[in-house]
Amino acid sequence: MTCGGGWGDGRGETDPEDRVLHPLPRAAWLAQELLTTFEGDLAEVCLVPATGGVFVVRLGDRVLWDRREQGFPEPSAVKRLVRDEVAPGRPLGHVEAPTPDPDA
């Protein structure tokens, strides 16, 4: 994955919902999480500033997550998607721990 080309002009569409969303801090935190989790498997993680609440996770030319279609992701969901592409079979630790049964 490389930063640069193919990202458009950096401007996203706007709607009233987008005016209250500020995904950059979340994107920066998620980028750090991905770089830490997949150290040695990812060459880089790019943050591309845009307006309009744009939050898209790409791996190469593939879109793994798009907020406009799927809402904001849980970090574990993005980690699973990236893992399945760059390091299939790698355990993600507590992210994949089974959820305790509240009725047990």
N, C-alpha and C. Protein backbone atom coordinates (compact mmCIF):
# COMPACT_ATOMS: atom_id res chain seq x y z
N MET A 1 0.85 -1.16 0.00
CA MET A 1 0.00 0.00 0.00
C MET A 1 0.90 1.22 0.00
N THR A 2 0.56 2.20 -0.81
CA THR A 2 1.34 3.42 -0.84
C THR A 2 0.44 4.62 -0.68
N CYS A 3 0.99 5.68 -0.11
CA CYS A 3 0.24 6.93 0.01
C CYS A 3 0.29 7.64 -1.33
N GLY A 4 -0.70 8.44 -1.59
CA GLY A 4 -0.67 9.22 -2.82
C GLY A 4 -1.77 8.83 -3.75
N GLY A 5 -1.49 8.85 -5.04
CA GLY A 5 -2.41 8.66 -6.14
C GLY A 5 -3.67 7.86 -5.85
N GLY A 6 -4.72 8.22 -6.54
CA GLY A 6 -5.96 7.49 -6.46
C GLY A 6 -6.88 7.90 -5.33
N TRP A 7 -6.55 8.97 -4.62
CA TRP A 7 -7.38 9.37 -3.50
C TRP A 7 -8.29 10.55 -3.83
N GLY A 8 -8.33 10.99 -5.04
CA GLY A 8 -9.19 12.10 -5.41
C GLY A 8 -8.60 13.43 -4.96
N ASP A 9 -9.45 14.42 -4.84
CA ASP A 9 -8.96 15.77 -4.52
C ASP A 9 -8.98 16.08 -3.03
N GLY A 10 -9.31 15.09 -2.20
CA GLY A 10 -9.30 15.31 -0.76
C GLY A 10 -10.58 15.91 -0.22
N ARG A 11 -11.54 16.17 -1.08
CA ARG A 11 -12.81 16.73 -0.61
C ARG A 11 -13.88 15.65 -0.67
N GLY A 12 -14.64 15.51 0.38
CA GLY A 12 -15.74 14.57 0.40
C GLY A 12 -17.06 15.30 0.32
N GLU A 13 -18.12 14.56 0.08
CA GLU A 13 -19.44 15.17 0.08
C GLU A 13 -19.79 15.53 1.51
N THR A 14 -20.64 16.52 1.68
CA THR A 14 -21.03 16.90 3.03
C THR A 14 -22.54 16.75 3.18
N ASP A 15 -22.94 16.42 4.39
CA ASP A 15 -24.35 16.41 4.75
C ASP A 15 -24.40 16.83 6.21
N PRO A 16 -25.57 17.12 6.75
CA PRO A 16 -25.64 17.62 8.13
C PRO A 16 -24.96 16.70 9.15
N GLU A 17 -25.08 15.38 8.98
CA GLU A 17 -24.44 14.44 9.91
C GLU A 17 -22.93 14.63 9.92
N ASP A 18 -22.34 14.87 8.78
CA ASP A 18 -20.90 14.97 8.66
C ASP A 18 -20.33 16.17 9.40
N ARG A 19 -21.13 17.20 9.60
CA ARG A 19 -20.62 18.40 10.26
C ARG A 19 -20.27 18.15 11.72
N VAL A 20 -20.85 17.11 12.32
CA VAL A 20 -20.56 16.85 13.73
C VAL A 20 -19.57 15.71 13.91
N LEU A 21 -19.18 15.04 12.84
CA LEU A 21 -18.24 13.93 12.94
C LEU A 21 -16.83 14.41 12.69
N HIS A 22 -15.92 13.95 13.49
CA HIS A 22 -14.51 14.30 13.34
C HIS A 22 -13.71 13.01 13.40
N PRO A 23 -13.57 12.31 12.28
CA PRO A 23 -12.94 10.98 12.32
C PRO A 23 -11.43 10.99 12.42
N LEU A 24 -10.75 12.14 12.28
CA LEU A 24 -9.29 12.13 12.27
C LEU A 24 -8.67 11.54 13.53
N PRO A 25 -9.09 11.93 14.74
CA PRO A 25 -8.48 11.31 15.93
C PRO A 25 -8.68 9.80 15.96
N ARG A 26 -9.85 9.35 15.59
CA ARG A 26 -10.12 7.91 15.56
C ARG A 26 -9.26 7.23 14.51
N ALA A 27 -9.11 7.86 13.35
CA ALA A 27 -8.29 7.30 12.28
C ALA A 27 -6.83 7.22 12.71
N ALA A 28 -6.34 8.24 13.39
CA ALA A 28 -4.95 8.24 13.85
C ALA A 28 -4.72 7.13 14.86
N TRP A 29 -5.64 6.96 15.77
CA TRP A 29 -5.52 5.89 16.77
C TRP A 29 -5.57 4.52 16.09
N LEU A 30 -6.49 4.34 15.14
CA LEU A 30 -6.60 3.07 14.44
C LEU A 30 -5.35 2.79 13.61
N ALA A 31 -4.78 3.81 12.99
CA ALA A 31 -3.53 3.64 12.23
C ALA A 31 -2.43 3.12 13.15
N GLN A 32 -2.31 3.70 14.33
CA GLN A 32 -1.31 3.25 15.30
C GLN A 32 -1.56 1.81 15.69
N GLU A 33 -2.81 1.45 15.93
CA GLU A 33 -3.17 0.08 16.28
C GLU A 33 -2.79 -0.91 15.18
N LEU A 34 -3.07 -0.53 13.93
CA LEU A 34 -2.74 -1.42 12.81
C LEU A 34 -1.24 -1.58 12.66
N LEU A 35 -0.49 -0.48 12.78
CA LEU A 35 0.96 -0.57 12.66
C LEU A 35 1.57 -1.41 13.78
N THR A 36 1.03 -1.32 14.96
CA THR A 36 1.52 -2.11 16.09
C THR A 36 1.16 -3.58 15.94
N THR A 37 -0.09 -3.84 15.59
CA THR A 37 -0.56 -5.22 15.47
C THR A 37 0.10 -5.94 14.31
N PHE A 38 0.29 -5.25 13.20
CA PHE A 38 0.81 -5.89 11.98
C PHE A 38 2.21 -5.41 11.64
N GLU A 39 3.01 -5.17 12.68
CA GLU A 39 4.40 -4.76 12.48
C GLU A 39 5.10 -5.80 11.61
N GLY A 40 5.72 -5.34 10.55
CA GLY A 40 6.40 -6.24 9.63
C GLY A 40 5.52 -6.73 8.49
N ASP A 41 4.20 -6.60 8.64
CA ASP A 41 3.28 -7.02 7.58
C ASP A 41 2.75 -5.86 6.77
N LEU A 42 2.70 -4.67 7.36
CA LEU A 42 2.24 -3.47 6.66
C LEU A 42 3.43 -2.55 6.44
N ALA A 43 3.61 -2.11 5.22
CA ALA A 43 4.70 -1.19 4.92
C ALA A 43 4.37 0.21 5.40
N GLU A 44 3.10 0.58 5.35
CA GLU A 44 2.70 1.92 5.78
C GLU A 44 1.20 1.97 5.98
N VAL A 45 0.79 2.97 6.73
CA VAL A 45 -0.63 3.31 6.90
C VAL A 45 -0.73 4.79 6.59
N CYS A 46 -1.63 5.14 5.70
CA CYS A 46 -1.78 6.54 5.26
C CYS A 46 -3.05 7.15 5.82
N LEU A 47 -2.93 8.35 6.30
CA LEU A 47 -4.09 9.15 6.68
C LEU A 47 -4.19 10.27 5.67
N VAL A 48 -5.34 10.35 5.01
CA VAL A 48 -5.55 11.36 3.99
C VAL A 48 -6.64 12.31 4.48
N PRO A 49 -6.28 13.55 4.82
CA PRO A 49 -7.28 14.49 5.32
C PRO A 49 -8.34 14.77 4.26
N ALA A 50 -9.57 14.86 4.70
CA ALA A 50 -10.69 15.16 3.82
C ALA A 50 -11.77 15.84 4.65
N THR A 51 -12.76 16.35 4.00
CA THR A 51 -13.91 16.92 4.70
C THR A 51 -15.09 16.01 4.45
N GLY A 52 -16.13 16.22 5.21
CA GLY A 52 -17.35 15.47 4.96
C GLY A 52 -17.46 14.16 5.72
N GLY A 53 -16.66 13.96 6.77
CA GLY A 53 -16.78 12.74 7.55
C GLY A 53 -16.30 11.50 6.85
N VAL A 54 -15.39 11.64 5.90
CA VAL A 54 -14.89 10.49 5.15
C VAL A 54 -14.05 9.62 6.07
N PHE A 55 -14.32 8.32 6.06
CA PHE A 55 -13.54 7.34 6.83
C PHE A 55 -13.55 6.06 6.02
N VAL A 56 -12.48 5.84 5.27
CA VAL A 56 -12.37 4.67 4.40
C VAL A 56 -11.08 3.95 4.74
N VAL A 57 -11.16 2.63 4.90
CA VAL A 57 -9.98 1.81 5.13
C VAL A 57 -9.74 1.02 3.85
N ARG A 58 -8.55 1.23 3.27
CA ARG A 58 -8.18 0.54 2.02
C ARG A 58 -6.93 -0.29 2.25
N LEU A 59 -6.85 -1.37 1.52
CA LEU A 59 -5.63 -2.15 1.46
C LEU A 59 -5.29 -2.27 -0.01
N GLY A 60 -4.28 -1.53 -0.44
CA GLY A 60 -4.02 -1.42 -1.87
C GLY A 60 -5.19 -0.71 -2.51
N ASP A 61 -5.75 -1.31 -3.54
CA ASP A 61 -6.90 -0.73 -4.23
C ASP A 61 -8.23 -1.21 -3.67
N ARG A 62 -8.20 -2.15 -2.73
CA ARG A 62 -9.43 -2.71 -2.17
C ARG A 62 -9.95 -1.88 -1.01
N VAL A 63 -11.23 -1.61 -1.02
CA VAL A 63 -11.87 -0.93 0.11
C VAL A 63 -12.30 -2.02 1.09
N LEU A 64 -11.75 -1.95 2.31
CA LEU A 64 -12.13 -2.91 3.34
C LEU A 64 -13.29 -2.39 4.18
N TRP A 65 -13.34 -1.06 4.36
CA TRP A 65 -14.40 -0.47 5.17
C TRP A 65 -14.68 0.93 4.68
N ASP A 66 -15.95 1.28 4.55
CA ASP A 66 -16.35 2.63 4.15
C ASP A 66 -17.46 3.09 5.08
N ARG A 67 -17.20 4.15 5.83
CA ARG A 67 -18.19 4.64 6.79
C ARG A 67 -19.53 4.95 6.14
N ARG A 68 -19.51 5.44 4.91
CA ARG A 68 -20.76 5.80 4.24
C ARG A 68 -21.67 4.59 4.05
N GLU A 69 -21.07 3.43 3.90
CA GLU A 69 -21.87 2.21 3.70
C GLU A 69 -22.06 1.41 4.98
N GLN A 70 -21.06 1.46 5.88
CA GLN A 70 -21.07 0.55 7.02
C GLN A 70 -21.03 1.25 8.38
N GLY A 71 -20.98 2.57 8.40
CA GLY A 71 -20.86 3.28 9.66
C GLY A 71 -19.43 3.19 10.17
N PHE A 72 -19.18 3.78 11.36
CA PHE A 72 -17.84 3.70 11.93
C PHE A 72 -17.60 2.29 12.43
N PRO A 73 -16.44 1.73 12.13
CA PRO A 73 -16.16 0.36 12.55
C PRO A 73 -15.66 0.27 13.98
N GLU A 74 -15.85 -0.88 14.56
CA GLU A 74 -15.15 -1.20 15.79
C GLU A 74 -13.71 -1.52 15.38
N PRO A 75 -12.73 -1.13 16.16
CA PRO A 75 -11.34 -1.43 15.80
C PRO A 75 -11.10 -2.91 15.55
N SER A 76 -11.75 -3.77 16.32
CA SER A 76 -11.55 -5.21 16.15
C SER A 76 -12.01 -5.67 14.78
N ALA A 77 -13.06 -5.06 14.24
CA ALA A 77 -13.55 -5.44 12.92
C ALA A 77 -12.52 -5.10 11.84
N VAL A 78 -11.90 -3.91 11.95
CA VAL A 78 -10.89 -3.52 10.98
C VAL A 78 -9.66 -4.42 11.12
N LYS A 79 -9.26 -4.71 12.35
CA LYS A 79 -8.10 -5.58 12.56
C LYS A 79 -8.34 -6.95 11.92
N ARG A 80 -9.54 -7.48 12.09
CA ARG A 80 -9.84 -8.79 11.49
C ARG A 80 -9.75 -8.73 9.97
N LEU A 81 -10.31 -7.68 9.38
CA LEU A 81 -10.28 -7.54 7.92
C LEU A 81 -8.86 -7.43 7.39
N VAL A 82 -8.04 -6.61 8.06
CA VAL A 82 -6.65 -6.46 7.63
C VAL A 82 -5.90 -7.77 7.85
N ARG A 83 -6.08 -8.39 9.01
CA ARG A 83 -5.43 -9.66 9.30
C ARG A 83 -5.73 -10.71 8.24
N ASP A 84 -7.00 -10.81 7.85
CA ASP A 84 -7.41 -11.81 6.86
C ASP A 84 -6.71 -11.60 5.52
N GLU A 85 -6.28 -10.37 5.25
CA GLU A 85 -5.60 -10.06 3.99
C GLU A 85 -4.08 -10.20 4.09
N VAL A 86 -3.49 -9.74 5.19
CA VAL A 86 -2.02 -9.68 5.26
C VAL A 86 -1.39 -10.79 6.10
N ALA A 87 -2.13 -11.38 7.01
CA ALA A 87 -1.57 -12.41 7.88
C ALA A 87 -2.65 -13.41 8.29
N PRO A 88 -3.23 -14.10 7.31
CA PRO A 88 -4.31 -15.06 7.64
C PRO A 88 -3.84 -16.06 8.69
N GLY A 89 -4.70 -16.34 9.60
CA GLY A 89 -4.38 -17.31 10.63
C GLY A 89 -3.72 -16.73 11.87
N ARG A 90 -3.24 -15.49 11.79
CA ARG A 90 -2.61 -14.88 12.97
C ARG A 90 -3.67 -14.62 14.03
N PRO A 91 -3.41 -15.07 15.25
CA PRO A 91 -4.37 -14.76 16.32
C PRO A 91 -4.29 -13.29 16.69
N LEU A 92 -5.42 -12.73 17.06
CA LEU A 92 -5.48 -11.33 17.45
C LEU A 92 -5.67 -11.17 18.95
N GLY A 93 -5.43 -12.22 19.69
CA GLY A 93 -5.49 -12.14 21.15
C GLY A 93 -6.88 -11.84 21.67
N HIS A 94 -6.96 -10.86 22.58
CA HIS A 94 -8.23 -10.55 23.25
C HIS A 94 -9.32 -10.10 22.28
N VAL A 95 -8.93 -9.62 21.10
CA VAL A 95 -9.92 -9.18 20.11
C VAL A 95 -10.82 -10.34 19.71
N GLU A 96 -10.26 -11.55 19.72
CA GLU A 96 -11.02 -12.71 19.29
C GLU A 96 -11.47 -13.59 20.45
N ALA A 97 -11.29 -13.12 21.66
CA ALA A 97 -11.73 -13.90 22.81
C ALA A 97 -13.24 -14.08 22.74
N PRO A 98 -13.71 -15.28 23.06
CA PRO A 98 -15.16 -15.49 23.01
C PRO A 98 -15.88 -14.61 24.03
N THR A 99 -17.04 -14.14 23.65
CA THR A 99 -17.84 -13.31 24.53
C THR A 99 -18.49 -14.22 25.58
N PRO A 100 -18.35 -13.88 26.86
CA PRO A 100 -18.95 -14.71 27.89
C PRO A 100 -20.46 -14.75 27.74
N ASP A 101 -21.04 -15.89 28.02
CA ASP A 101 -22.49 -16.08 27.96
C ASP A 101 -23.09 -15.49 29.23
N PRO A 102 -23.92 -14.44 29.10
CA PRO A 102 -24.48 -13.80 30.32
C PRO A 102 -25.43 -14.72 31.07
N ASP A 103 -25.95 -15.76 30.42
CA ASP A 103 -26.88 -16.68 31.07
C ASP A 103 -26.18 -17.85 31.74
N ALA A 104 -24.86 -17.92 31.60
CA ALA A 104 -24.14 -19.08 32.15
C ALA A 104 -23.88 -18.92 33.63
